[in-house]
Amino acid sequence: MKRVSRKTRETEVTAVFDSEKLEIETGVKFLDHMLETISTHSGFNIEVKATGDDKHHLIEDVAICLGKSISEFDKKGIERFGSAIVPMDEAVAICGIDFSGRGTLVFEGEIKDGEIRAEDFLHFFDTLCRNSGLNVYLAVRGRNSHHMMESAFKAFAIALKQALSKTGRDFKSAKGVLD
């Protein structure tokens, strides 16, 4: 559990992954709901306090801080890989995660603007991956942008729970390290 803070001219953010408490305040209701969704379905408490001048900068800096906090998670003995398929009404999301230390997002699907802009949704996941070291494949299909985005966050959370579950004592890598 590492507290990561970031203060710029545009935002002020503090985030903790695997916190002792669940507490989320960003001023963006949909983002708060999605972060709570990650916490609920991953089983890890998230603490995020954020203020900012606009949604784009706020979402980006929350992803930076949360990603850096996730990167500090002890990888020794974790399952490393996780996957999930989550249907939500007419939408479905598929997510695969490798906590390799080499953060990359591969996204398939088309999302339209909803409570947050589609580009901010994608930017959140891309920024989170680059800062956490998570390699994420995320595919989303559907018609309703809210359902598509929420199913993506849920699939991500379930896959994350699997990837971070402790199943051994060593690193799951032929190299003997994860980076």
C-alpha atoms as a PDB file:
ATOM      1  CA  MET A   1       0.000   0.000   0.000  1.00  0.00           C
ATOM      2  CA  LYS A   2       1.609   3.190  -1.177  1.00  0.00           C
ATOM      3  CA  ARG A   3       0.091   6.656  -1.075  1.00  0.00           C
ATOM      4  CA  VAL A   4       0.840   8.551  -4.282  1.00  0.00           C
ATOM      5  CA  SER A   5       0.222  12.277  -4.589  1.00  0.00           C
ATOM      6  CA  ARG A   6       0.394  14.613  -7.547  1.00  0.00           C
ATOM      7  CA  LYS A   7      -0.120  18.362  -7.566  1.00  0.00           C
ATOM      8  CA  THR A   8      -0.089  20.391 -10.764  1.00  0.00           C
ATOM      9  CA  ARG A   9      -1.544  23.726 -11.812  1.00  0.00           C
ATOM     10  CA  GLU A  10      -4.585  21.763 -12.994  1.00  0.00           C
ATOM     11  CA  THR A  11      -5.158  19.089 -10.349  1.00  0.00           C
ATOM     12  CA  GLU A  12      -4.395  17.824  -6.893  1.00  0.00           C
ATOM     13  CA  VAL A  13      -4.704  14.052  -6.461  1.00  0.00           C
ATOM     14  CA  THR A  14      -3.884  11.495  -3.783  1.00  0.00           C
ATOM     15  CA  ALA A  15      -4.475   7.785  -4.376  1.00  0.00           C
ATOM     16  CA  VAL A  16      -3.898   4.556  -2.466  1.00  0.00           C
ATOM     17  CA  PHE A  17      -4.511   1.077  -3.850  1.00  0.00           C
ATOM     18  CA  ASP A  18      -5.090  -1.697  -1.293  1.00  0.00           C
ATOM     19  CA  SER A  19      -5.946   0.861   1.357  1.00  0.00           C
ATOM     20  CA  GLU A  20      -7.397   0.162   4.780  1.00  0.00           C
ATOM     21  CA  LYS A  21     -10.573   2.014   3.781  1.00  0.00           C
ATOM     22  CA  LEU A  22     -12.706   2.756   0.748  1.00  0.00           C
ATOM     23  CA  GLU A  23     -12.954   6.481   0.182  1.00  0.00           C
ATOM     24  CA  ILE A  24     -13.407   8.111  -3.223  1.00  0.00           C
ATOM     25  CA  GLU A  25     -13.949  11.810  -3.926  1.00  0.00           C
ATOM     26  CA  THR A  26     -13.094  13.193  -7.354  1.00  0.00           C
ATOM     27  CA  GLY A  27     -15.997  15.533  -8.050  1.00  0.00           C
ATOM     28  CA  VAL A  28     -16.816  13.468 -11.165  1.00  0.00           C
ATOM     29  CA  LYS A  29     -19.725  11.233 -10.140  1.00  0.00           C
ATOM     30  CA  PHE A  30     -19.273   8.706 -12.925  1.00  0.00           C
ATOM     31  CA  LEU A  31     -15.543   8.349 -12.183  1.00  0.00           C
ATOM     32  CA  ASP A  32     -16.329   7.924  -8.472  1.00  0.00           C
ATOM     33  CA  HIS A  33     -18.814   5.192  -9.382  1.00  0.00           C
ATOM     34  CA  MET A  34     -16.292   3.424 -11.654  1.00  0.00           C
ATOM     35  CA  LEU A  35     -13.518   3.566  -9.038  1.00  0.00           C
ATOM     36  CA  GLU A  36     -15.930   2.145  -6.474  1.00  0.00           C
ATOM     37  CA  THR A  37     -16.777  -0.556  -9.015  1.00  0.00           C
ATOM     38  CA  ILE A  38     -13.087  -1.455  -9.302  1.00  0.00           C
ATOM     39  CA  SER A  39     -12.852  -1.675  -5.522  1.00  0.00           C
ATOM     40  CA  THR A  40     -16.039  -3.726  -5.142  1.00  0.00           C
ATOM     41  CA  HIS A  41     -15.189  -6.293  -7.807  1.00  0.00           C
ATOM     42  CA  SER A  42     -11.431  -6.529  -7.197  1.00  0.00           C
ATOM     43  CA  GLY A  43     -11.736  -6.830  -3.429  1.00  0.00           C
ATOM     44  CA  PHE A  44      -9.152  -4.073  -2.880  1.00  0.00           C
ATOM     45  CA  ASN A  45     -10.035  -0.823  -1.169  1.00  0.00           C
ATOM     46  CA  ILE A  46      -9.190   2.316  -3.095  1.00  0.00           C
ATOM     47  CA  GLU A  47      -8.673   5.730  -1.577  1.00  0.00           C
ATOM     48  CA  VAL A  48      -8.786   8.655  -3.996  1.00  0.00           C
ATOM     49  CA  LYS A  49      -9.109  12.358  -3.238  1.00  0.00           C
ATOM     50  CA  ALA A  50      -8.950  14.636  -6.246  1.00  0.00           C
ATOM     51  CA  THR A  51      -9.795  18.142  -7.345  1.00  0.00           C
ATOM     52  CA  GLY A  52      -9.162  19.674 -10.719  1.00  0.00           C
ATOM     53  CA  ASP A  53     -10.000  22.274 -13.309  1.00  0.00           C
ATOM     54  CA  ASP A  54     -11.638  19.895 -15.791  1.00  0.00           C
ATOM     55  CA  LYS A  55     -12.632  16.250 -16.224  1.00  0.00           C
ATOM     56  CA  HIS A  56      -9.847  15.361 -18.648  1.00  0.00           C
ATOM     57  CA  HIS A  57      -6.980  16.489 -16.403  1.00  0.00           C
ATOM     58  CA  LEU A  58      -8.648  15.032 -13.325  1.00  0.00           C
ATOM     59  CA  ILE A  59      -9.255  11.622 -14.919  1.00  0.00           C
ATOM     60  CA  GLU A  60      -5.700  11.541 -16.267  1.00  0.00           C
ATOM     61  CA  ASP A  61      -4.064  12.420 -12.947  1.00  0.00           C
ATOM     62  CA  VAL A  62      -6.247   9.990 -10.987  1.00  0.00           C
ATOM     63  CA  ALA A  63      -5.083   7.246 -13.393  1.00  0.00           C
ATOM     64  CA  ILE A  64      -1.439   8.293 -12.950  1.00  0.00           C
ATOM     65  CA  CYS A  65      -1.611   8.187  -9.150  1.00  0.00           C
ATOM     66  CA  LEU A  66      -3.700   5.027  -8.912  1.00  0.00           C
ATOM     67  CA  GLY A  67      -1.432   3.320 -11.451  1.00  0.00           C
ATOM     68  CA  LYS A  68       1.717   4.242  -9.532  1.00  0.00           C
ATOM     69  CA  SER A  69       0.148   2.945  -6.324  1.00  0.00           C
ATOM     70  CA  ILE A  70      -0.773  -0.363  -8.021  1.00  0.00           C
ATOM     71  CA  SER A  71       2.803  -0.649  -9.355  1.00  0.00           C
ATOM     72  CA  GLU A  72       4.011  -0.918  -5.752  1.00  0.00           C
ATOM     73  CA  PHE A  73       1.893  -4.037  -5.103  1.00  0.00           C
ATOM     74  CA  ASP A  74       4.146  -6.950  -4.059  1.00  0.00           C
ATOM     75  CA  LYS A  75       4.277  -9.201  -7.140  1.00  0.00           C
ATOM     76  CA  LYS A  76       5.995 -12.087  -5.382  1.00  0.00           C
ATOM     77  CA  GLY A  77       3.653 -15.074  -5.313  1.00  0.00           C
ATOM     78  CA  ILE A  78       0.825 -13.467  -7.311  1.00  0.00           C
ATOM     79  CA  GLU A  79      -1.096 -15.383  -9.960  1.00  0.00           C
ATOM     80  CA  ARG A  80       0.064 -12.680 -12.434  1.00  0.00           C
ATOM     81  CA  PHE A  81      -2.634 -13.351 -15.054  1.00  0.00           C
ATOM     82  CA  GLY A  82      -6.369 -12.707 -14.835  1.00  0.00           C
ATOM     83  CA  SER A  83      -9.315 -12.595 -17.193  1.00  0.00           C
ATOM     84  CA  ALA A  84     -13.020 -11.867 -17.136  1.00  0.00           C
ATOM     85  CA  ILE A  85     -16.062 -11.627 -19.366  1.00  0.00           C
ATOM     86  CA  VAL A  86     -18.758  -9.317 -17.994  1.00  0.00           C
ATOM     87  CA  PRO A  87     -22.145  -8.844 -19.657  1.00  0.00           C
ATOM     88  CA  MET A  88     -24.238  -5.868 -18.638  1.00  0.00           C
ATOM     89  CA  ASP A  89     -27.626  -5.596 -20.316  1.00  0.00           C
ATOM     90  CA  GLU A  90     -26.854  -5.329 -24.074  1.00  0.00           C
ATOM     91  CA  ALA A  91     -23.125  -4.727 -23.521  1.00  0.00           C
ATOM     92  CA  VAL A  92     -20.248  -7.088 -22.863  1.00  0.00           C
ATOM     93  CA  ALA A  93     -16.610  -6.534 -21.909  1.00  0.00           C
ATOM     94  CA  ILE A  94     -13.704  -8.939 -22.072  1.00  0.00           C
ATOM     95  CA  CYS A  95     -10.535  -8.198 -20.130  1.00  0.00           C
ATOM     96  CA  GLY A  96      -7.226 -10.003 -19.830  1.00  0.00           C
ATOM     97  CA  ILE A  97      -4.438  -8.806 -17.529  1.00  0.00           C
ATOM     98  CA  ASP A  98      -0.769  -9.676 -17.163  1.00  0.00           C
ATOM     99  CA  PHE A  99       0.964  -7.928 -14.259  1.00  0.00           C
ATOM    100  CA  SER A 100       4.268  -8.141 -16.083  1.00  0.00           C
ATOM    101  CA  GLY A 101       5.585  -4.716 -15.145  1.00  0.00           C
ATOM    102  CA  ARG A 102       5.408  -3.642 -18.786  1.00  0.00           C
ATOM    103  CA  GLY A 103       2.257  -1.514 -18.890  1.00  0.00           C
ATOM    104  CA  THR A 104       0.360  -1.573 -22.161  1.00  0.00           C
ATOM    105  CA  LEU A 105      -3.294  -1.217 -23.147  1.00  0.00           C
ATOM    106  CA  VAL A 106      -4.800  -2.909 -26.176  1.00  0.00           C
ATOM    107  CA  PHE A 107      -8.414  -1.826 -26.718  1.00  0.00           C
ATOM    108  CA  GLU A 108     -10.944  -3.183 -29.178  1.00  0.00           C
ATOM    109  CA  GLY A 109     -14.383  -1.715 -29.709  1.00  0.00           C
ATOM    110  CA  GLU A 110     -16.059   1.609 -30.270  1.00  0.00           C
ATOM    111  CA  ILE A 111     -17.458   3.673 -27.440  1.00  0.00           C
ATOM    112  CA  LYS A 112     -19.410   6.871 -27.768  1.00  0.00           C
ATOM    113  CA  ASP A 113     -19.357   9.711 -25.259  1.00  0.00           C
ATOM    114  CA  GLY A 114     -21.439   9.138 -22.156  1.00  0.00           C
ATOM    115  CA  GLU A 115     -21.126  10.528 -18.637  1.00  0.00           C
ATOM    116  CA  ILE A 116     -17.481  10.938 -19.528  1.00  0.00           C
ATOM    117  CA  ARG A 117     -16.042  11.336 -23.005  1.00  0.00           C
ATOM    118  CA  ALA A 118     -14.978   8.173 -24.801  1.00  0.00           C
ATOM    119  CA  GLU A 119     -11.438   9.538 -25.206  1.00  0.00           C
ATOM    120  CA  ASP A 120     -11.219  10.122 -21.429  1.00  0.00           C
ATOM    121  CA  PHE A 121     -12.404   6.550 -20.779  1.00  0.00           C
ATOM    122  CA  LEU A 122      -9.650   5.202 -23.054  1.00  0.00           C
ATOM    123  CA  HIS A 123      -7.099   7.656 -21.691  1.00  0.00           C
ATOM    124  CA  PHE A 124      -7.873   6.510 -18.125  1.00  0.00           C
ATOM    125  CA  PHE A 125      -7.097   2.881 -18.938  1.00  0.00           C
ATOM    126  CA  ASP A 126      -4.054   3.678 -21.084  1.00  0.00           C
ATOM    127  CA  THR A 127      -2.581   5.959 -18.394  1.00  0.00           C
ATOM    128  CA  LEU A 128      -3.387   3.466 -15.631  1.00  0.00           C
ATOM    129  CA  CYS A 129      -1.642   0.674 -17.558  1.00  0.00           C
ATOM    130  CA  ARG A 130       1.487   2.693 -18.311  1.00  0.00           C
ATOM    131  CA  ASN A 131       1.849   3.790 -14.681  1.00  0.00           C
ATOM    132  CA  SER A 132       0.962   0.471 -13.018  1.00  0.00           C
ATOM    133  CA  GLY A 133       2.886  -1.976 -15.182  1.00  0.00           C
ATOM    134  CA  LEU A 134      -0.311  -3.828 -16.085  1.00  0.00           C
ATOM    135  CA  ASN A 135      -0.561  -5.253 -19.589  1.00  0.00           C
ATOM    136  CA  VAL A 136      -4.315  -5.099 -20.345  1.00  0.00           C
ATOM    137  CA  TYR A 137      -6.374  -6.359 -23.248  1.00  0.00           C
ATOM    138  CA  LEU A 138      -9.871  -4.839 -23.131  1.00  0.00           C
ATOM    139  CA  ALA A 139     -12.644  -5.423 -25.664  1.00  0.00           C
ATOM    140  CA  VAL A 140     -16.100  -3.892 -25.391  1.00  0.00           C
ATOM    141  CA  ARG A 141     -19.265  -4.309 -27.468  1.00  0.00           C
ATOM    142  CA  GLY A 142     -22.751  -2.880 -27.025  1.00  0.00           C
ATOM    143  CA  ARG A 143     -25.010   0.077 -27.772  1.00  0.00           C
ATOM    144  CA  ASN A 144     -25.312   1.985 -24.486  1.00  0.00           C
ATOM    145  CA  SER A 145     -22.088   3.834 -23.598  1.00  0.00           C
ATOM    146  CA  HIS A 146     -22.819   3.718 -19.846  1.00  0.00           C
ATOM    147  CA  HIS A 147     -23.259  -0.070 -19.921  1.00  0.00           C
ATOM    148  CA  MET A 148     -20.206  -0.517 -22.120  1.00  0.00           C
ATOM    149  CA  MET A 149     -17.972   1.569 -19.862  1.00  0.00           C
ATOM    150  CA  GLU A 150     -19.288   0.014 -16.656  1.00  0.00           C
ATOM    151  CA  SER A 151     -18.906  -3.543 -17.957  1.00  0.00           C
ATOM    152  CA  ALA A 152     -15.311  -2.670 -18.927  1.00  0.00           C
ATOM    153  CA  PHE A 153     -14.502  -1.402 -15.425  1.00  0.00           C
ATOM    154  CA  LYS A 154     -16.091  -4.514 -13.884  1.00  0.00           C
ATOM    155  CA  ALA A 155     -14.221  -6.893 -16.203  1.00  0.00           C
ATOM    156  CA  PHE A 156     -10.984  -5.043 -15.416  1.00  0.00           C
ATOM    157  CA  ALA A 157     -11.642  -5.347 -11.664  1.00  0.00           C
ATOM    158  CA  ILE A 158     -12.410  -9.074 -11.781  1.00  0.00           C
ATOM    159  CA  ALA A 159      -9.332  -9.785 -13.926  1.00  0.00           C
ATOM    160  CA  LEU A 160      -7.231  -7.654 -11.554  1.00  0.00           C
ATOM    161  CA  LYS A 161      -8.481  -9.653  -8.563  1.00  0.00           C
ATOM    162  CA  GLN A 162      -7.357 -12.875 -10.242  1.00  0.00           C
ATOM    163  CA  ALA A 163      -3.992 -11.470 -11.326  1.00  0.00           C
ATOM    164  CA  LEU A 164      -3.173 -10.149  -7.834  1.00  0.00           C
ATOM    165  CA  SER A 165      -4.313 -13.214  -5.904  1.00  0.00           C
ATOM    166  CA  LYS A 166      -1.480 -14.813  -3.960  1.00  0.00           C
ATOM    167  CA  THR A 167      -1.015 -18.393  -5.133  1.00  0.00           C
ATOM    168  CA  GLY A 168       2.638 -19.105  -4.523  1.00  0.00           C
ATOM    169  CA  ARG A 169       5.894 -17.941  -3.062  1.00  0.00           C
ATOM    170  CA  ASP A 170       7.888 -17.100  -6.172  1.00  0.00           C
ATOM    171  CA  PHE A 171       7.493 -14.873  -9.188  1.00  0.00           C
ATOM    172  CA  LYS A 172       5.501 -16.481 -11.997  1.00  0.00           C
ATOM    173  CA  SER A 173       8.129 -15.858 -14.621  1.00  0.00           C
ATOM    174  CA  ALA A 174      10.707 -18.051 -16.313  1.00  0.00           C
ATOM    175  CA  LYS A 175      13.117 -15.125 -15.740  1.00  0.00           C
ATOM    176  CA  GLY A 176      12.463 -15.195 -11.986  1.00  0.00           C
ATOM    177  CA  VAL A 177      11.353 -11.547 -11.904  1.00  0.00           C
ATOM    178  CA  LEU A 178       8.458  -9.441 -13.093  1.00  0.00           C
ATOM    179  CA  ASP A 179       9.354  -6.118 -14.634  1.00  0.00           C
END
